[in-house]
């Protein structure tokens, strides 16, 4: 009964935000770009900073980031080491989409909705680890390695991307505030705007769903067939890997739940941004982001029930 109420509460938070975003996206096509740019530059770092301060800057943050790295790298290794598995997802963009989830826009709101406050630090740690990894290997996977690895310009842009990422900005801001004498006062002030930003982030995800109106049913079926293996790997495969890791090292229940739910988040919008920058597989990336988000409204409650068994 408790899990059923949690699922209802989760959907009550997610669905209205996604629906409002969808309707706004239909009303004004470019509104998501207008909102997302300042939100990514300023809103998400402020939100993460507030959540980090609320949950506490402690060792579990680093541990969660490291476990995110282990789970994601394990999945990428599996996808590229076994020919029998690689043939199911040969597309590098889809490989990225199966390994990296929308942990900031989707995963953290899920954590806030159904998990206790102490789970936040684990969820944010996973997000920080995943953010650093995707901006590290993403451009490399979608560009010719012979040109990229020897390019001074690439490494310059990579370092710039890391330090301009919302997760790193939020972490740096939180460290600065945490070391100041006004730590508690600023933490209290930032909690409400942190939640507001997360709601706006979900609204933007809803705006992305307006993609469904641009294609007919036949086209959607074709897209599902082309990305189905990546969908399965993202929404089932990665959470299973995280669950196995959690069981192997006997993580506490709260940490296990937070990391598995973060692993089960739908494909990250970062995958779409990287594919657009590389001019590679943009349609597949869009389909994976949109369809995984819709399916996650069902799959994440299922994962929650499995974790509570």
Protein backbone atom coordinates (compact mmCIF):
# COMPACT_ATOMS: atom_id res chain seq x y z
CA UNK A 1 0.00 0.00 0.00
CA UNK A 2 2.84 2.34 0.88
CA UNK A 3 4.50 1.77 -2.51
CA UNK A 4 1.21 2.35 -4.34
CA UNK A 5 0.79 5.71 -2.62
CA UNK A 6 4.39 6.61 -3.49
CA UNK A 7 3.76 5.78 -7.16
CA UNK A 8 0.58 7.86 -7.19
CA UNK A 9 2.48 10.75 -5.60
CA UNK A 10 5.30 10.36 -8.13
CA UNK A 11 2.97 10.40 -11.12
CA UNK A 12 1.04 13.32 -9.60
CA UNK A 13 4.28 15.32 -9.66
CA UNK A 14 5.59 14.21 -13.04
CA UNK A 15 2.55 14.02 -15.31
CA UNK A 16 1.12 17.56 -14.73
CA UNK A 17 4.55 19.12 -15.40
CA UNK A 18 5.02 17.06 -18.56
CA UNK A 19 1.48 17.82 -19.73
CA UNK A 20 1.86 21.57 -19.13
CA UNK A 21 5.14 21.49 -21.03
CA UNK A 22 3.57 19.58 -23.91
CA UNK A 23 0.73 22.11 -24.21
CA UNK A 24 3.12 25.06 -23.99
CA UNK A 25 5.31 23.47 -26.66
CA UNK A 26 2.30 23.21 -28.96
CA UNK A 27 1.37 26.84 -28.29
CA UNK A 28 4.85 28.22 -28.98
CA UNK A 29 7.29 25.99 -30.84
CA UNK A 30 10.56 27.67 -29.78
CA UNK A 31 9.60 28.24 -26.14
CA UNK A 32 11.69 25.29 -24.94
CA UNK A 33 14.86 26.87 -26.38
CA UNK A 34 13.99 30.24 -24.84
CA UNK A 35 13.58 28.67 -21.40
CA UNK A 36 16.20 25.92 -21.54
CA UNK A 37 19.20 28.11 -22.32
CA UNK A 38 19.04 30.29 -19.18
CA UNK A 39 17.78 27.30 -17.18
CA UNK A 40 20.82 25.22 -18.10
CA UNK A 41 23.23 28.15 -17.63
CA UNK A 42 21.83 29.46 -14.34
CA UNK A 43 18.77 27.58 -13.09
CA UNK A 44 20.09 24.01 -12.94
CA UNK A 45 23.37 25.00 -11.21
CA UNK A 46 21.37 27.01 -8.63
CA UNK A 47 18.99 24.09 -8.15
CA UNK A 48 21.78 21.54 -7.72
CA UNK A 49 23.61 23.89 -5.39
CA UNK A 50 20.52 24.19 -3.19
CA UNK A 51 19.91 20.45 -3.18
CA UNK A 52 23.57 19.70 -2.47
CA UNK A 53 23.55 22.10 0.48
CA UNK A 54 20.32 20.57 1.76
CA UNK A 55 21.55 16.98 1.46
CA UNK A 56 25.08 17.73 2.68
CA UNK A 57 28.50 17.66 1.01
CA UNK A 58 29.83 14.37 2.28
CA UNK A 59 31.74 11.26 1.17
CA UNK A 60 28.58 9.51 -0.18
CA UNK A 61 28.51 12.10 -2.99
CA UNK A 62 31.88 10.88 -4.27
CA UNK A 63 30.96 7.23 -3.71
CA UNK A 64 27.76 7.62 -5.74
CA UNK A 65 29.60 9.38 -8.57
CA UNK A 66 32.15 6.54 -8.63
CA UNK A 67 29.40 3.88 -8.72
CA UNK A 68 27.70 5.73 -11.59
CA UNK A 69 31.01 5.58 -13.44
CA UNK A 70 31.34 1.84 -12.76
CA UNK A 71 27.77 1.05 -13.91
CA UNK A 72 27.93 3.18 -17.06
CA UNK A 73 31.39 1.98 -18.09
CA UNK A 74 30.31 -1.64 -17.45
CA UNK A 75 27.37 -1.21 -19.81
CA UNK A 76 29.49 0.46 -22.51
CA UNK A 77 32.08 -2.33 -22.17
CA UNK A 78 29.39 -4.99 -22.53
CA UNK A 79 27.96 -3.28 -25.61
CA UNK A 80 31.36 -3.13 -27.32
CA UNK A 81 33.11 -6.27 -26.09
CA UNK A 82 30.67 -8.98 -27.15
CA UNK A 83 29.85 -9.20 -30.85
CA UNK A 84 26.59 -11.03 -30.15
CA UNK A 85 25.42 -8.03 -28.06
CA UNK A 86 27.04 -5.28 -30.12
CA UNK A 87 25.05 -6.20 -33.22
CA UNK A 88 21.84 -5.32 -31.37
CA UNK A 89 23.02 -1.73 -30.75
CA UNK A 90 25.75 -1.00 -33.35
CA UNK A 91 24.81 2.68 -33.54
CA UNK A 92 27.08 4.75 -31.29
CA UNK A 93 24.44 7.38 -30.64
CA UNK A 94 22.04 4.70 -29.43
CA UNK A 95 24.81 3.23 -27.27
CA UNK A 96 25.21 6.62 -25.61
CA UNK A 97 21.44 6.88 -25.20
CA UNK A 98 21.28 3.46 -23.55
CA UNK A 99 23.95 4.38 -21.00
CA UNK A 100 23.19 7.97 -19.98
CA UNK A 101 19.94 9.00 -18.34
CA UNK A 102 18.11 12.26 -17.75
CA UNK A 103 19.18 12.19 -14.12
CA UNK A 104 19.09 15.96 -13.56
CA UNK A 105 15.74 16.79 -15.18
CA UNK A 106 13.96 13.50 -14.42
CA UNK A 107 15.90 11.36 -11.95
CA UNK A 108 16.28 13.97 -9.19
CA UNK A 109 12.55 14.89 -9.24
CA UNK A 110 11.81 11.17 -8.89
CA UNK A 111 14.15 10.98 -5.91
CA UNK A 112 12.50 14.01 -4.31
CA UNK A 113 9.05 12.53 -4.85
CA UNK A 114 9.49 9.01 -3.47
CA UNK A 115 12.70 8.80 -1.44
CA UNK A 116 13.70 10.32 1.91
CA UNK A 117 15.84 13.48 2.00
CA UNK A 118 19.02 11.54 2.78
CA UNK A 119 18.72 9.86 -0.65
CA UNK A 120 19.30 13.18 -2.42
CA UNK A 121 23.05 13.12 -1.98
CA UNK A 122 23.22 9.71 -3.69
CA UNK A 123 21.01 10.85 -6.57
CA UNK A 124 23.06 14.00 -7.10
CA UNK A 125 26.32 12.05 -6.87
CA UNK A 126 25.12 9.75 -9.65
CA UNK A 127 24.13 12.79 -11.74
CA UNK A 128 27.54 14.42 -11.24
CA UNK A 129 29.38 11.24 -12.24
CA UNK A 130 27.22 10.65 -15.30
CA UNK A 131 27.52 14.29 -16.42
CA UNK A 132 31.31 14.18 -16.31
CA UNK A 133 31.45 10.86 -18.19
CA UNK A 134 29.02 11.75 -20.98
CA UNK A 135 30.84 14.98 -21.79
CA UNK A 136 34.09 13.01 -21.75
CA UNK A 137 33.30 10.07 -24.03
CA UNK A 138 30.21 11.37 -25.85
CA UNK A 139 31.95 13.64 -28.37
CA UNK A 140 34.71 11.04 -28.80
CA UNK A 141 32.25 8.25 -29.67
CA UNK A 142 30.37 10.38 -32.20
CA UNK A 143 33.47 11.79 -33.91
CA UNK A 144 36.36 10.11 -35.71
CA UNK A 145 38.81 9.21 -32.90
CA UNK A 146 41.83 9.76 -35.15
CA UNK A 147 40.86 13.41 -35.48
CA UNK A 148 39.53 13.96 -32.00
CA UNK A 149 42.13 12.49 -29.68
CA UNK A 150 44.99 14.42 -31.27
CA UNK A 151 43.08 17.66 -31.45
CA UNK A 152 44.21 20.38 -29.07
CA UNK A 153 40.99 22.19 -29.85
CA UNK A 154 38.94 19.18 -28.74
CA UNK A 155 40.60 18.95 -25.33
CA UNK A 156 40.24 22.69 -24.88
CA UNK A 157 36.52 22.42 -25.68
CA UNK A 158 36.22 19.34 -23.45
CA UNK A 159 37.66 21.15 -20.42
CA UNK A 160 35.42 24.11 -21.16
CA UNK A 161 32.37 21.82 -21.40
CA UNK A 162 33.17 20.13 -18.08
CA UNK A 163 33.51 23.38 -16.15
CA UNK A 164 30.45 24.87 -17.83
CA UNK A 165 28.27 21.83 -17.08
CA UNK A 166 25.38 22.51 -14.66
CA UNK A 167 26.50 19.73 -12.31
CA UNK A 168 30.03 21.07 -11.89
CA UNK A 169 28.81 24.67 -11.53
CA UNK A 170 26.37 23.57 -8.83
CA UNK A 171 29.07 21.61 -7.01
CA UNK A 172 31.52 24.54 -7.06
CA UNK A 173 28.81 26.96 -5.86
CA UNK A 174 27.82 24.59 -3.05
CA UNK A 175 31.43 24.23 -1.92
CA UNK A 176 31.81 28.02 -1.80
CA UNK A 177 28.60 28.50 0.20
CA UNK A 178 29.39 25.56 2.47
CA UNK A 179 32.69 27.16 3.47
CA UNK A 180 31.07 30.52 4.22
CA UNK A 181 29.72 31.59 7.66
CA UNK A 182 26.20 31.95 6.16
CA UNK A 183 25.89 28.31 5.13
CA UNK A 184 22.63 27.50 6.96
CA UNK A 185 20.86 30.76 6.02
CA UNK A 186 21.70 30.45 2.32
CA UNK A 187 20.71 26.77 2.30
CA UNK A 188 17.24 27.62 3.65
CA UNK A 189 16.80 30.43 1.12
CA UNK A 190 17.79 28.28 -1.87
CA UNK A 191 15.61 25.25 -1.18
CA UNK A 192 12.38 26.67 -2.68
CA UNK A 193 13.99 28.05 -5.87
CA UNK A 194 15.75 24.70 -6.23
CA UNK A 195 12.40 22.91 -6.38
CA UNK A 196 10.95 25.52 -8.76
CA UNK A 197 13.83 24.98 -11.20
CA UNK A 198 13.28 21.21 -11.18
CA UNK A 199 9.60 21.74 -12.02
CA UNK A 200 10.62 24.00 -14.93
CA UNK A 201 13.08 21.35 -16.09
CA UNK A 202 10.26 18.78 -16.21
CA UNK A 203 8.12 21.26 -18.15
CA UNK A 204 10.90 21.51 -20.75
CA UNK A 205 10.98 17.72 -21.05
CA UNK A 206 7.23 17.93 -21.69
CA UNK A 207 7.85 20.47 -24.45
CA UNK A 208 10.15 17.99 -26.14
CA UNK A 209 7.26 15.52 -26.26
CA UNK A 210 5.53 17.74 -28.84
CA UNK A 211 7.76 15.85 -31.31
CA UNK A 212 5.03 13.20 -31.30
CA UNK A 213 2.65 15.55 -33.14
CA UNK A 214 5.11 15.93 -36.02
CA UNK A 215 5.13 12.25 -37.01
CA UNK A 216 2.37 9.82 -37.92
CA UNK A 217 1.69 6.52 -36.21
CA UNK A 218 3.50 4.51 -38.87
CA UNK A 219 6.64 6.62 -38.44
CA UNK A 220 6.50 6.18 -34.66
CA UNK A 221 6.30 2.39 -35.09
CA UNK A 222 9.35 2.44 -37.38
CA UNK A 223 11.28 4.54 -34.85
CA UNK A 224 10.34 2.20 -31.98
CA UNK A 225 11.63 -0.79 -33.97
CA UNK A 226 14.92 0.98 -34.75
CA UNK A 227 15.60 2.04 -31.14
CA UNK A 228 13.87 -0.74 -29.17
CA UNK A 229 17.13 -2.42 -28.11
CA UNK A 230 18.53 0.87 -26.82
CA UNK A 231 15.24 1.50 -24.97
CA UNK A 232 15.43 -1.90 -23.29
CA UNK A 233 19.08 -1.42 -22.38
CA UNK A 234 18.46 2.04 -20.92
CA UNK A 235 15.29 1.34 -18.94
CA UNK A 236 16.07 -2.26 -17.94
CA UNK A 237 19.71 -3.14 -18.63
CA UNK A 238 21.47 -0.28 -16.81
CA UNK A 239 19.23 -0.50 -13.70
CA UNK A 240 19.88 -4.25 -13.57
CA UNK A 241 23.65 -3.63 -13.69
CA UNK A 242 23.30 -1.06 -10.89
CA UNK A 243 21.18 -3.49 -8.87
CA UNK A 244 23.81 -6.21 -9.26
CA UNK A 245 26.59 -3.83 -8.18
CA UNK A 246 24.50 -2.70 -5.19
CA UNK A 247 23.90 -6.29 -4.11
CA UNK A 248 27.54 -7.28 -4.63
CA UNK A 249 28.89 -4.55 -2.34
CA UNK A 250 25.85 -4.59 -0.03
CA UNK A 251 24.83 -0.96 -0.28
CA UNK A 252 22.35 0.45 2.27
CA UNK A 253 18.74 0.28 1.06
CA UNK A 254 18.33 4.05 0.63
CA UNK A 255 21.52 4.31 -1.44
CA UNK A 256 20.56 1.27 -3.51
CA UNK A 257 17.11 2.66 -4.27
CA UNK A 258 18.48 6.09 -5.21
CA UNK A 259 21.15 4.70 -7.57
CA UNK A 260 18.88 2.15 -9.25
CA UNK A 261 16.16 4.75 -9.85
CA UNK A 262 18.75 7.16 -11.27
CA UNK A 263 19.97 4.36 -13.54
CA UNK A 264 16.38 3.83 -14.70
CA UNK A 265 15.94 7.47 -15.78
CA UNK A 266 15.07 7.98 -19.48
CA UNK A 267 17.74 8.94 -22.01
CA UNK A 268 19.51 12.22 -21.30
CA UNK A 269 18.86 15.30 -23.43
CA UNK A 270 22.67 15.63 -23.49
CA UNK A 271 22.73 12.71 -25.95
CA UNK A 272 20.55 14.72 -28.33
CA UNK A 273 22.73 17.82 -27.90
CA UNK A 274 25.92 15.85 -28.63
CA UNK A 275 24.38 14.16 -31.69
CA UNK A 276 23.26 17.54 -33.02
CA UNK A 277 26.73 19.00 -32.49
CA UNK A 278 28.26 16.04 -34.36
CA UNK A 279 25.48 16.10 -37.03
CA UNK A 280 24.99 12.39 -36.48
CA UNK A 281 21.84 10.30 -35.87
CA UNK A 282 19.76 13.27 -34.69
CA UNK A 283 16.44 11.58 -35.51
CA UNK A 284 17.35 8.44 -33.56
CA UNK A 285 18.50 10.53 -30.61
CA UNK A 286 15.27 12.54 -30.58
CA UNK A 287 13.16 9.38 -30.76
CA UNK A 288 15.10 7.76 -27.93
CA UNK A 289 14.81 10.80 -25.65
CA UNK A 290 11.08 11.24 -26.25
CA UNK A 291 9.98 7.59 -26.20
CA UNK A 292 12.15 6.63 -23.22
CA UNK A 293 10.63 9.56 -21.28
CA UNK A 294 7.11 8.34 -21.99
CA UNK A 295 7.88 4.70 -21.18
CA UNK A 296 9.73 5.72 -18.00
CA UNK A 297 6.41 6.92 -16.56
CA UNK A 298 5.57 3.21 -16.37
CA UNK A 299 8.97 1.59 -15.94
CA UNK A 300 10.17 3.72 -12.99
CA UNK A 301 7.10 2.88 -10.84
CA UNK A 302 7.75 -0.77 -11.72
CA UNK A 303 11.35 -0.43 -10.54
CA UNK A 304 10.15 1.20 -7.35
CA UNK A 305 7.89 -1.77 -6.65
CA UNK A 306 10.75 -4.20 -7.37
CA UNK A 307 13.07 -2.35 -5.00
CA UNK A 308 10.48 -2.45 -2.22
CA UNK A 309 9.84 -6.20 -2.49
